[in-house]
Structure formats: structure tokens, C-alpha cells
Amino acid sequence: GEVIERYDFDNNVCLEPIIRVEPVYPEIAKANNIQGTVKIRFHISIDCTIDNLTIIQNLSPECDNAALDVMKRLSELIKKYWKNCEDKTEETEIIFKLY
């Protein structure tokens, strides 16, 4: 379930879907008990394209790459499912936590 499509039946309109992409925890990071947060700055255009991915807080090379993979997948889904995007730069956190 990466995408949950929503509809407002009272007002008869489609709502923006909920999109959630989980990172694949790198095996080497698991083996070394690496946990923490990767922060990424990115630009989103009015056509819902995400670009200019920049890691502003790294964790490990493997986790950093896994976080970038999440953003690439998220970019594909946003481009496909979202309709109304603003031209802006944002930051997000990808959390790696062993349970």
C-alpha cells in the first residue's frame, strides 16, 4: 500500500491521495546497528516533478542511498497521482530505526 486514493463523497470530489514509501533498510546498516535520520532537501515543480535532491544530514553511505531511492520512488508516485503541486523547495526526513 504505497498509495491510498481518497474521495469526498459529500462534495463529489477526488482528494489528493496519501502516498507513503518506506525505505529498504540496508543489510550492512542492520548488521552494524546503524540507526538515525537522513534529511533531504528537494525541489518540487508545479508539474509535480521532484528534482535537486540534496542530502543535508547523512547517516551512512548505504542509508543515504536508500533514502535517495525512497525519494525517487516518491517522485514517480507524486508525478502520477498528484494534480496540484506548488513550485517550492522542501525538506524531509527518512528515519532508519531497528525494532
PDB file of N, CA and C in Angstrom:
ATOM      1  N   GLY A   1       0.781  -1.178   0.000  1.00  0.00           N
ATOM      2  CA  GLY A   1       0.000   0.000   0.000  1.00  0.00           C
ATOM      3  C   GLY A   1       0.835   1.260   0.000  1.00  0.00           C
ATOM      4  N   GLU A   2       1.402   1.636  -1.124  1.00  0.00           N
ATOM      5  CA  GLU A   2       2.130   2.889  -1.213  1.00  0.00           C
ATOM      6  C   GLU A   2       1.207   4.072  -1.461  1.00  0.00           C
ATOM      7  N   VAL A   3       0.063   3.839  -2.103  1.00  0.00           N
ATOM      8  CA  VAL A   3      -0.853   4.918  -2.457  1.00  0.00           C
ATOM      9  C   VAL A   3      -2.253   4.581  -1.954  1.00  0.00           C
ATOM     10  N   ILE A   4      -2.835   5.520  -1.224  1.00  0.00           N
ATOM     11  CA  ILE A   4      -4.218   5.390  -0.792  1.00  0.00           C
ATOM     12  C   ILE A   4      -4.996   6.504  -1.477  1.00  0.00           C
ATOM     13  N   GLU A   5      -5.829   6.108  -2.425  1.00  0.00           N
ATOM     14  CA  GLU A   5      -6.627   7.108  -3.125  1.00  0.00           C
ATOM     15  C   GLU A   5      -7.828   7.470  -2.255  1.00  0.00           C
ATOM     16  N   ARG A   6      -8.233   8.764  -2.308  1.00  0.00           N
ATOM     17  CA  ARG A   6      -9.314   9.243  -1.450  1.00  0.00           C
ATOM     18  C   ARG A   6     -10.355   9.980  -2.273  1.00  0.00           C
ATOM     19  N   TYR A   7     -11.589   9.913  -1.792  1.00  0.00           N
ATOM     20  CA  TYR A   7     -12.692  10.586  -2.465  1.00  0.00           C
ATOM     21  C   TYR A   7     -13.639  11.160  -1.427  1.00  0.00           C
ATOM     22  N   ASP A   8     -14.046  12.396  -1.613  1.00  0.00           N
ATOM     23  CA  ASP A   8     -15.008  13.055  -0.736  1.00  0.00           C
ATOM     24  C   ASP A   8     -16.390  12.884  -1.362  1.00  0.00           C
ATOM     25  N   PHE A   9     -17.154  11.908  -0.852  1.00  0.00           N
ATOM     26  CA  PHE A   9     -18.460  11.615  -1.416  1.00  0.00           C
ATOM     27  C   PHE A   9     -19.479  12.717  -1.122  1.00  0.00           C
ATOM     28  N   ASP A  10     -19.313  13.418  -0.009  1.00  0.00           N
ATOM     29  CA  ASP A  10     -20.244  14.507   0.318  1.00  0.00           C
ATOM     30  C   ASP A  10     -20.176  15.637  -0.706  1.00  0.00           C
ATOM     31  N   ASN A  11     -18.949  15.953  -1.142  1.00  0.00           N
ATOM     32  CA  ASN A  11     -18.757  17.046  -2.099  1.00  0.00           C
ATOM     33  C   ASN A  11     -18.481  16.568  -3.514  1.00  0.00           C
ATOM     34  N   ASN A  12     -18.451  15.246  -3.695  1.00  0.00           N
ATOM     35  CA  ASN A  12     -18.271  14.642  -5.008  1.00  0.00           C
ATOM     36  C   ASN A  12     -16.974  15.096  -5.697  1.00  0.00           C
ATOM     37  N   VAL A  13     -15.853  15.036  -4.942  1.00  0.00           N
ATOM     38  CA  VAL A  13     -14.557  15.424  -5.495  1.00  0.00           C
ATOM     39  C   VAL A  13     -13.475  14.426  -5.080  1.00  0.00           C
ATOM     40  N   CYS A  14     -12.494  14.276  -5.957  1.00  0.00           N
ATOM     41  CA  CYS A  14     -11.320  13.478  -5.624  1.00  0.00           C
ATOM     42  C   CYS A  14     -10.402  14.304  -4.733  1.00  0.00           C
ATOM     43  N   LEU A  15      -9.819  13.675  -3.731  1.00  0.00           N
ATOM     44  CA  LEU A  15      -8.861  14.324  -2.849  1.00  0.00           C
ATOM     45  C   LEU A  15      -7.462  13.855  -3.216  1.00  0.00           C
ATOM     46  N   GLU A  16      -6.473  14.634  -2.801  1.00  0.00           N
ATOM     47  CA  GLU A  16      -5.093  14.194  -3.020  1.00  0.00           C
ATOM     48  C   GLU A  16      -4.891  12.854  -2.308  1.00  0.00           C
ATOM     49  N   PRO A  17      -4.248  11.912  -2.956  1.00  0.00           N
ATOM     50  CA  PRO A  17      -4.020  10.618  -2.300  1.00  0.00           C
ATOM     51  C   PRO A  17      -2.955  10.729  -1.216  1.00  0.00           C
ATOM     52  N   ILE A  18      -2.975   9.765  -0.332  1.00  0.00           N
ATOM     53  CA  ILE A  18      -1.915   9.626   0.663  1.00  0.00           C
ATOM     54  C   ILE A  18      -0.867   8.706   0.057  1.00  0.00           C
ATOM     55  N   ILE A  19       0.364   9.171   0.012  1.00  0.00           N
ATOM     56  CA  ILE A  19       1.459   8.392  -0.567  1.00  0.00           C
ATOM     57  C   ILE A  19       2.493   8.152   0.511  1.00  0.00           C
ATOM     58  N   ARG A  20       2.840   6.891   0.709  1.00  0.00           N
ATOM     59  CA  ARG A  20       3.827   6.534   1.735  1.00  0.00           C
ATOM     60  C   ARG A  20       4.781   5.505   1.139  1.00  0.00           C
ATOM     61  N   VAL A  21       6.056   5.826   1.177  1.00  0.00           N
ATOM     62  CA  VAL A  21       7.094   4.923   0.674  1.00  0.00           C
ATOM     63  C   VAL A  21       8.063   4.656   1.819  1.00  0.00           C
ATOM     64  N   GLU A  22       8.233   3.397   2.150  1.00  0.00           N
ATOM     65  CA  GLU A  22       9.142   3.000   3.230  1.00  0.00           C
ATOM     66  C   GLU A  22      10.520   2.670   2.658  1.00  0.00           C
ATOM     67  N   PRO A  23      11.572   3.053   3.360  1.00  0.00           N
ATOM     68  CA  PRO A  23      12.920   2.714   2.877  1.00  0.00           C
ATOM     69  C   PRO A  23      13.221   1.232   3.077  1.00  0.00           C
ATOM     70  N   VAL A  24      14.077   0.719   2.207  1.00  0.00           N
ATOM     71  CA  VAL A  24      14.603  -0.628   2.390  1.00  0.00           C
ATOM     72  C   VAL A  24      15.837  -0.484   3.270  1.00  0.00           C
ATOM     73  N   TYR A  25      15.797  -1.107   4.440  1.00  0.00           N
ATOM     74  CA  TYR A  25      16.907  -0.981   5.396  1.00  0.00           C
ATOM     75  C   TYR A  25      18.106  -1.739   4.840  1.00  0.00           C
ATOM     76  N   PRO A  26      19.216  -1.078   4.583  1.00  0.00           N
ATOM     77  CA  PRO A  26      20.395  -1.769   4.049  1.00  0.00           C
ATOM     78  C   PRO A  26      20.907  -2.831   5.027  1.00  0.00           C
ATOM     79  N   GLU A  27      21.213  -3.996   4.513  1.00  0.00           N
ATOM     80  CA  GLU A  27      21.681  -5.109   5.358  1.00  0.00           C
ATOM     81  C   GLU A  27      22.937  -4.743   6.148  1.00  0.00           C
ATOM     82  N   ILE A  28      23.862  -4.020   5.515  1.00  0.00           N
ATOM     83  CA  ILE A  28      25.099  -3.650   6.214  1.00  0.00           C
ATOM     84  C   ILE A  28      24.801  -2.688   7.369  1.00  0.00           C
ATOM     85  N   ALA A  29      23.800  -1.838   7.197  1.00  0.00           N
ATOM     86  CA  ALA A  29      23.413  -0.920   8.275  1.00  0.00           C
ATOM     87  C   ALA A  29      22.770  -1.711   9.427  1.00  0.00           C
ATOM     88  N   LYS A  30      21.961  -2.711   9.089  1.00  0.00           N
ATOM     89  CA  LYS A  30      21.372  -3.571  10.128  1.00  0.00           C
ATOM     90  C   LYS A  30      22.468  -4.297  10.897  1.00  0.00           C
ATOM     91  N   ALA A  31      23.403  -4.874  10.154  1.00  0.00           N
ATOM     92  CA  ALA A  31      24.472  -5.652  10.783  1.00  0.00           C
ATOM     93  C   ALA A  31      25.334  -4.790  11.700  1.00  0.00           C
ATOM     94  N   ASN A  32      25.471  -3.511  11.377  1.00  0.00           N
ATOM     95  CA  ASN A  32      26.285  -2.604  12.180  1.00  0.00           C
ATOM     96  C   ASN A  32      25.456  -1.753  13.139  1.00  0.00           C
ATOM     97  N   ASN A  33      24.165  -2.110  13.266  1.00  0.00           N
ATOM     98  CA  ASN A  33      23.253  -1.425  14.183  1.00  0.00           C
ATOM     99  C   ASN A  33      23.208   0.094  13.951  1.00  0.00           C
ATOM    100  N   ILE A  34      23.212   0.478  12.686  1.00  0.00           N
ATOM    101  CA  ILE A  34      23.157   1.896  12.335  1.00  0.00           C
ATOM    102  C   ILE A  34      21.701   2.333  12.310  1.00  0.00           C
ATOM    103  N   GLN A  35      21.398   3.343  13.102  1.00  0.00           N
ATOM    104  CA  GLN A  35      20.058   3.909  13.168  1.00  0.00           C
ATOM    105  C   GLN A  35      20.163   5.424  13.141  1.00  0.00           C
ATOM    106  N   GLY A  36      19.120   6.061  12.670  1.00  0.00           N
ATOM    107  CA  GLY A  36      19.116   7.514  12.668  1.00  0.00           C
ATOM    108  C   GLY A  36      18.288   8.072  11.536  1.00  0.00           C
ATOM    109  N   THR A  37      18.589   9.300  11.174  1.00  0.00           N
ATOM    110  CA  THR A  37      17.787  10.044  10.218  1.00  0.00           C
ATOM    111  C   THR A  37      18.644  10.608   9.094  1.00  0.00           C
ATOM    112  N   VAL A  38      18.130  10.487   7.879  1.00  0.00           N
ATOM    113  CA  VAL A  38      18.721  11.151   6.716  1.00  0.00           C
ATOM    114  C   VAL A  38      17.774  12.289   6.352  1.00  0.00           C
ATOM    115  N   LYS A  39      18.296  13.509   6.283  1.00  0.00           N
ATOM    116  CA  LYS A  39      17.483  14.657   5.876  1.00  0.00           C
ATOM    117  C   LYS A  39      17.826  15.004   4.438  1.00  0.00           C
ATOM    118  N   ILE A  40      16.771  15.226   3.655  1.00  0.00           N
ATOM    119  CA  ILE A  40      16.940  15.529   2.237  1.00  0.00           C
ATOM    120  C   ILE A  40      16.185  16.805   1.899  1.00  0.00           C
ATOM    121  N   ARG A  41      16.854  17.686   1.174  1.00  0.00           N
ATOM    122  CA  ARG A  41      16.213  18.881   0.624  1.00  0.00           C
ATOM    123  C   ARG A  41      15.934  18.580  -0.849  1.00  0.00           C
ATOM    124  N   PHE A  42      14.765  19.020  -1.323  1.00  0.00           N
ATOM    125  CA  PHE A  42      14.402  18.771  -2.712  1.00  0.00           C
ATOM    126  C   PHE A  42      13.526  19.899  -3.234  1.00  0.00           C
ATOM    127  N   HIS A  43      13.432  19.973  -4.535  1.00  0.00           N
ATOM    128  CA  HIS A  43      12.584  20.956  -5.201  1.00  0.00           C
ATOM    129  C   HIS A  43      11.430  20.207  -5.863  1.00  0.00           C
ATOM    130  N   ILE A  44      10.221  20.749  -5.712  1.00  0.00           N
ATOM    131  CA  ILE A  44       9.060  20.198  -6.412  1.00  0.00           C
ATOM    132  C   ILE A  44       8.499  21.295  -7.310  1.00  0.00           C
ATOM    133  N   SER A  45       8.243  20.944  -8.551  1.00  0.00           N
ATOM    134  CA  SER A  45       7.751  21.903  -9.543  1.00  0.00           C
ATOM    135  C   SER A  45       6.231  21.845  -9.630  1.00  0.00           C
ATOM    136  N   ILE A  46       5.652  22.812 -10.312  1.00  0.00           N
ATOM    137  CA  ILE A  46       4.194  22.840 -10.444  1.00  0.00           C
ATOM    138  C   ILE A  46       3.660  21.647 -11.237  1.00  0.00           C
ATOM    139  N   ASP A  47       4.520  20.994 -12.026  1.00  0.00           N
ATOM    140  CA  ASP A  47       4.093  19.784 -12.739  1.00  0.00           C
ATOM    141  C   ASP A  47       4.330  18.528 -11.896  1.00  0.00           C
ATOM    142  N   CYS A  48       4.624  18.728 -10.606  1.00  0.00           N
ATOM    143  CA  CYS A  48       4.828  17.658  -9.608  1.00  0.00           C
ATOM    144  C   CYS A  48       6.107  16.854  -9.823  1.00  0.00           C
ATOM    145  N   THR A  49       7.056  17.430 -10.549  1.00  0.00           N
ATOM    146  CA  THR A  49       8.364  16.801 -10.720  1.00  0.00           C
ATOM    147  C   THR A  49       9.231  17.147  -9.514  1.00  0.00           C
ATOM    148  N   ILE A  50       9.900  16.132  -8.973  1.00  0.00           N
ATOM    149  CA  ILE A  50      10.829  16.343  -7.867  1.00  0.00           C
ATOM    150  C   ILE A  50      12.249  16.241  -8.425  1.00  0.00           C
ATOM    151  N   ASP A  51      13.080  17.253  -8.093  1.00  0.00           N
ATOM    152  CA  ASP A  51      14.467  17.228  -8.537  1.00  0.00           C
ATOM    153  C   ASP A  51      15.343  17.925  -7.496  1.00  0.00           C
ATOM    154  N   ASN A  52      16.611  18.085  -7.818  1.00  0.00           N
ATOM    155  CA  ASN A  52      17.587  18.729  -6.929  1.00  0.00           C
ATOM    156  C   ASN A  52      17.617  18.093  -5.544  1.00  0.00           C
ATOM    157  N   LEU A  53      17.668  16.766  -5.510  1.00  0.00           N
ATOM    158  CA  LEU A  53      17.768  16.053  -4.236  1.00  0.00           C
ATOM    159  C   LEU A  53      19.142  16.292  -3.628  1.00  0.00           C
ATOM    160  N   THR A  54      19.164  16.788  -2.397  1.00  0.00           N
ATOM    161  CA  THR A  54      20.415  17.071  -1.702  1.00  0.00           C
ATOM    162  C   THR A  54      20.329  16.529  -0.281  1.00  0.00           C
ATOM    163  N   ILE A  55      21.283  15.706   0.085  1.00  0.00           N
ATOM    164  CA  ILE A  55      21.330  15.213   1.457  1.00  0.00           C
ATOM    165  C   ILE A  55      21.930  16.304   2.327  1.00  0.00           C
ATOM    166  N   ILE A  56      21.170  16.742   3.329  1.00  0.00           N
ATOM    167  CA  ILE A  56      21.647  17.799   4.219  1.00  0.00           C
ATOM    168  C   ILE A  56      22.026  17.257   5.593  1.00  0.00           C
ATOM    169  N   GLN A  57      21.659  16.005   5.861  1.00  0.00           N
ATOM    170  CA  GLN A  57      22.127  15.308   7.072  1.00  0.00           C
ATOM    171  C   GLN A  57      22.274  13.846   6.703  1.00  0.00           C
ATOM    172  N   ASN A  58      23.503  13.377   6.705  1.00  0.00           N
ATOM    173  CA  ASN A  58      23.724  11.988   6.304  1.00  0.00           C
ATOM    174  C   ASN A  58      23.803  11.075   7.521  1.00  0.00           C
ATOM    175  N   LEU A  59      23.687   9.782   7.242  1.00  0.00           N
ATOM    176  CA  LEU A  59      23.745   8.764   8.289  1.00  0.00           C
ATOM    177  C   LEU A  59      24.861   7.773   7.982  1.00  0.00           C
ATOM    178  N   SER A  60      24.792   7.142   6.845  1.00  0.00           N
ATOM    179  CA  SER A  60      25.843   6.255   6.337  1.00  0.00           C
ATOM    180  C   SER A  60      25.653   6.210   4.829  1.00  0.00           C
ATOM    181  N   PRO A  61      26.671   5.852   4.079  1.00  0.00           N
ATOM    182  CA  PRO A  61      26.500   5.825   2.616  1.00  0.00           C
ATOM    183  C   PRO A  61      25.342   4.931   2.178  1.00  0.00           C
ATOM    184  N   GLU A  62      25.183   3.785   2.841  1.00  0.00           N
ATOM    185  CA  GLU A  62      24.118   2.845   2.468  1.00  0.00           C
ATOM    186  C   GLU A  62      22.731   3.416   2.787  1.00  0.00           C
ATOM    187  N   CYS A  63      22.581   3.996   3.961  1.00  0.00           N
ATOM    188  CA  CYS A  63      21.296   4.594   4.344  1.00  0.00           C
ATOM    189  C   CYS A  63      21.000   5.829   3.511  1.00  0.00           C
ATOM    190  N   ASP A  64      22.022   6.610   3.214  1.00  0.00           N
ATOM    191  CA  ASP A  64      21.836   7.780   2.356  1.00  0.00           C
ATOM    192  C   ASP A  64      21.293   7.356   0.993  1.00  0.00           C
ATOM    193  N   ASN A  65      21.881   6.309   0.407  1.00  0.00           N
ATOM    194  CA  ASN A  65      21.425   5.811  -0.897  1.00  0.00           C
ATOM    195  C   ASN A  65      20.008   5.262  -0.810  1.00  0.00           C
ATOM    196  N   ALA A  66      19.687   4.562   0.283  1.00  0.00           N
ATOM    197  CA  ALA A  66      18.327   4.039   0.462  1.00  0.00           C
ATOM    198  C   ALA A  66      17.321   5.183   0.583  1.00  0.00           C
ATOM    199  N   ALA A  67      17.709   6.266   1.254  1.00  0.00           N
ATOM    200  CA  ALA A  67      16.831   7.437   1.383  1.00  0.00           C
ATOM    201  C   ALA A  67      16.617   8.097   0.021  1.00  0.00           C
ATOM    202  N   LEU A  68      17.665   8.191  -0.775  1.00  0.00           N
ATOM    203  CA  LEU A  68      17.511   8.752  -2.126  1.00  0.00           C
ATOM    204  C   LEU A  68      16.612   7.873  -2.984  1.00  0.00           C
ATOM    205  N   ASP A  69      16.706   6.546  -2.806  1.00  0.00           N
ATOM    206  CA  ASP A  69      15.822   5.632  -3.532  1.00  0.00           C
ATOM    207  C   ASP A  69      14.365   5.865  -3.149  1.00  0.00           C
ATOM    208  N   VAL A  70      14.103   6.121  -1.861  1.00  0.00           N
ATOM    209  CA  VAL A  70      12.750   6.440  -1.408  1.00  0.00           C
ATOM    210  C   VAL A  70      12.244   7.682  -2.125  1.00  0.00           C
ATOM    211  N   MET A  71      13.080   8.701  -2.194  1.00  0.00           N
ATOM    212  CA  MET A  71      12.662   9.953  -2.829  1.00  0.00           C
ATOM    213  C   MET A  71      12.423   9.777  -4.325  1.00  0.00           C
ATOM    214  N   LYS A  72      13.198   8.924  -4.971  1.00  0.00           N
ATOM    215  CA  LYS A  72      12.991   8.668  -6.401  1.00  0.00           C
ATOM    216  C   LYS A  72      11.657   7.962  -6.625  1.00  0.00           C
ATOM    217  N   ARG A  73      11.341   6.981  -5.772  1.00  0.00           N
ATOM    218  CA  ARG A  73      10.058   6.272  -5.875  1.00  0.00           C
ATOM    219  C   ARG A  73       8.905   7.235  -5.555  1.00  0.00           C
ATOM    220  N   LEU A  74       9.079   8.040  -4.524  1.00  0.00           N
ATOM    221  CA  LEU A  74       8.071   9.024  -4.159  1.00  0.00           C
ATOM    222  C   LEU A  74       7.832   9.998  -5.316  1.00  0.00           C
ATOM    223  N   SER A  75       8.901  10.395  -5.975  1.00  0.00           N
ATOM    224  CA  SER A  75       8.800  11.299  -7.114  1.00  0.00           C
ATOM    225  C   SER A  75       7.929  10.702  -8.220  1.00  0.00           C
ATOM    226  N   GLU A  76       8.133   9.429  -8.511  1.00  0.00           N
ATOM    227  CA  GLU A  76       7.332   8.750  -9.535  1.00  0.00           C
ATOM    228  C   GLU A  76       5.857   8.741  -9.157  1.00  0.00           C
ATOM    229  N   LEU A  77       5.563   8.441  -7.897  1.00  0.00           N
ATOM    230  CA  LEU A  77       4.174   8.352  -7.450  1.00  0.00           C
ATOM    231  C   LEU A  77       3.500   9.714  -7.390  1.00  0.00           C
ATOM    232  N   ILE A  78       4.223  10.733  -6.922  1.00  0.00           N
ATOM    233  CA  ILE A  78       3.656  12.082  -6.876  1.00  0.00           C
ATOM    234  C   ILE A  78       3.354  12.563  -8.293  1.00  0.00           C
ATOM    235  N   LYS A  79       4.272  12.338  -9.195  1.00  0.00           N
ATOM    236  CA  LYS A  79       4.074  12.748 -10.589  1.00  0.00           C
ATOM    237  C   LYS A  79       2.830  12.074 -11.180  1.00  0.00           C
ATOM    238  N   LYS A  80       2.597  10.829 -10.805  1.00  0.00           N
ATOM    239  CA  LYS A  80       1.469  10.056 -11.345  1.00  0.00           C
ATOM    240  C   LYS A  80       0.136  10.425 -10.684  1.00  0.00           C
ATOM    241  N   TYR A  81       0.129  10.635  -9.366  1.00  0.00           N
ATOM    242  CA  TYR A  81      -1.133  10.742  -8.638  1.00  0.00           C
ATOM    243  C   TYR A  81      -1.533  12.149  -8.209  1.00  0.00           C
ATOM    244  N   TRP A  82      -0.584  13.045  -8.009  1.00  0.00           N
ATOM    245  CA  TRP A  82      -0.942  14.383  -7.547  1.00  0.00           C
ATOM    246  C   TRP A  82      -1.283  15.258  -8.732  1.00  0.00           C
ATOM    247  N   LYS A  83      -2.147  16.215  -8.490  1.00  0.00           N
ATOM    248  CA  LYS A  83      -2.578  17.122  -9.555  1.00  0.00           C
ATOM    249  C   LYS A  83      -2.142  18.564  -9.294  1.00  0.00           C
ATOM    250  N   ASN A  84      -2.141  18.979  -8.044  1.00  0.00           N
ATOM    251  CA  ASN A  84      -1.879  20.382  -7.701  1.00  0.00           C
ATOM    252  C   ASN A  84      -0.612  20.511  -6.871  1.00  0.00           C
ATOM    253  N   CYS A  85       0.482  20.806  -7.524  1.00  0.00           N
ATOM    254  CA  CYS A  85       1.744  20.997  -6.821  1.00  0.00           C
ATOM    255  C   CYS A  85       2.162  22.456  -6.914  1.00  0.00           C
ATOM    256  N   GLU A  86       2.843  22.901  -5.877  1.00  0.00           N
ATOM    257  CA  GLU A  86       3.397  24.252  -5.854  1.00  0.00           C
ATOM    258  C   GLU A  86       4.882  24.182  -6.169  1.00  0.00           C
ATOM    259  N   ASP A  87       5.382  25.226  -6.780  1.00  0.00           N
ATOM    260  CA  ASP A  87       6.814  25.328  -7.048  1.00  0.00           C
ATOM    261  C   ASP A  87       7.498  25.760  -5.750  1.00  0.00           C
ATOM    262  N   LYS A  88       8.210  24.825  -5.108  1.00  0.00           N
ATOM    263  CA  LYS A  88       8.841  25.158  -3.834  1.00  0.00           C
ATOM    264  C   LYS A  88       9.956  24.165  -3.510  1.00  0.00           C
ATOM    265  N   THR A  89      10.759  24.560  -2.546  1.00  0.00           N
ATOM    266  CA  THR A  89      11.817  23.700  -2.021  1.00  0.00           C
ATOM    267  C   THR A  89      11.392  23.264  -0.626  1.00  0.00           C
ATOM    268  N   GLU A  90      11.550  21.972  -0.348  1.00  0.00           N
ATOM    269  CA  GLU A  90      11.151  21.415   0.941  1.00  0.00           C
ATOM    270  C   GLU A  90      12.256  20.514   1.475  1.00  0.00           C
ATOM    271  N   GLU A  91      12.082  20.124   2.727  1.00  0.00           N
ATOM    272  CA  GLU A  91      12.970  19.156   3.356  1.00  0.00           C
ATOM    273  C   GLU A  91      12.124  18.036   3.938  1.00  0.00           C
ATOM    274  N   THR A  92      12.698  16.844   3.960  1.00  0.00           N
ATOM    275  CA  THR A  92      12.021  15.699   4.552  1.00  0.00           C
ATOM    276  C   THR A  92      13.045  14.853   5.289  1.00  0.00           C
ATOM    277  N   GLU A  93      12.553  14.036   6.195  1.00  0.00           N
ATOM    278  CA  GLU A  93      13.412  13.128   6.955  1.00  0.00           C
ATOM    279  C   GLU A  93      13.028  11.687   6.639  1.00  0.00           C
ATOM    280  N   ILE A  94      14.024  10.859   6.388  1.00  0.00           N
ATOM    281  CA  ILE A  94      13.843   9.425   6.223  1.00  0.00           C
ATOM    282  C   ILE A  94      14.474   8.787   7.435  1.00  0.00           C
ATOM    283  N   ILE A  95      13.671   8.089   8.231  1.00  0.00           N
ATOM    284  CA  ILE A  95      14.138   7.550   9.509  1.00  0.00           C
ATOM    285  C   ILE A  95      14.449   6.069   9.370  1.00  0.00           C
ATOM    286  N   PHE A  96      15.605   5.702   9.854  1.00  0.00           N
ATOM    287  CA  PHE A  96      16.041   4.299   9.892  1.00  0.00           C
ATOM    288  C   PHE A  96      16.107   3.886  11.355  1.00  0.00           C
ATOM    289  N   LYS A  97      15.212   2.978  11.744  1.00  0.00           N
ATOM    290  CA  LYS A  97      15.158   2.540  13.136  1.00  0.00           C
ATOM    291  C   LYS A  97      14.975   1.027  13.161  1.00  0.00           C
ATOM    292  N   LEU A  98      15.830   0.389  13.908  1.00  0.00           N
ATOM    293  CA  LEU A  98      15.722  -1.052  14.102  1.00  0.00           C
ATOM    294  C   LEU A  98      14.746  -1.328  15.233  1.00  0.00           C
ATOM    295  N   TYR A  99      13.840  -2.257  15.024  1.00  0.00           N
ATOM    296  CA  TYR A  99      12.853  -2.584  16.058  1.00  0.00           C
ATOM    297  C   TYR A  99      13.169  -3.902  16.706  1.00  0.00           C
TER     298      TYR A  99
END
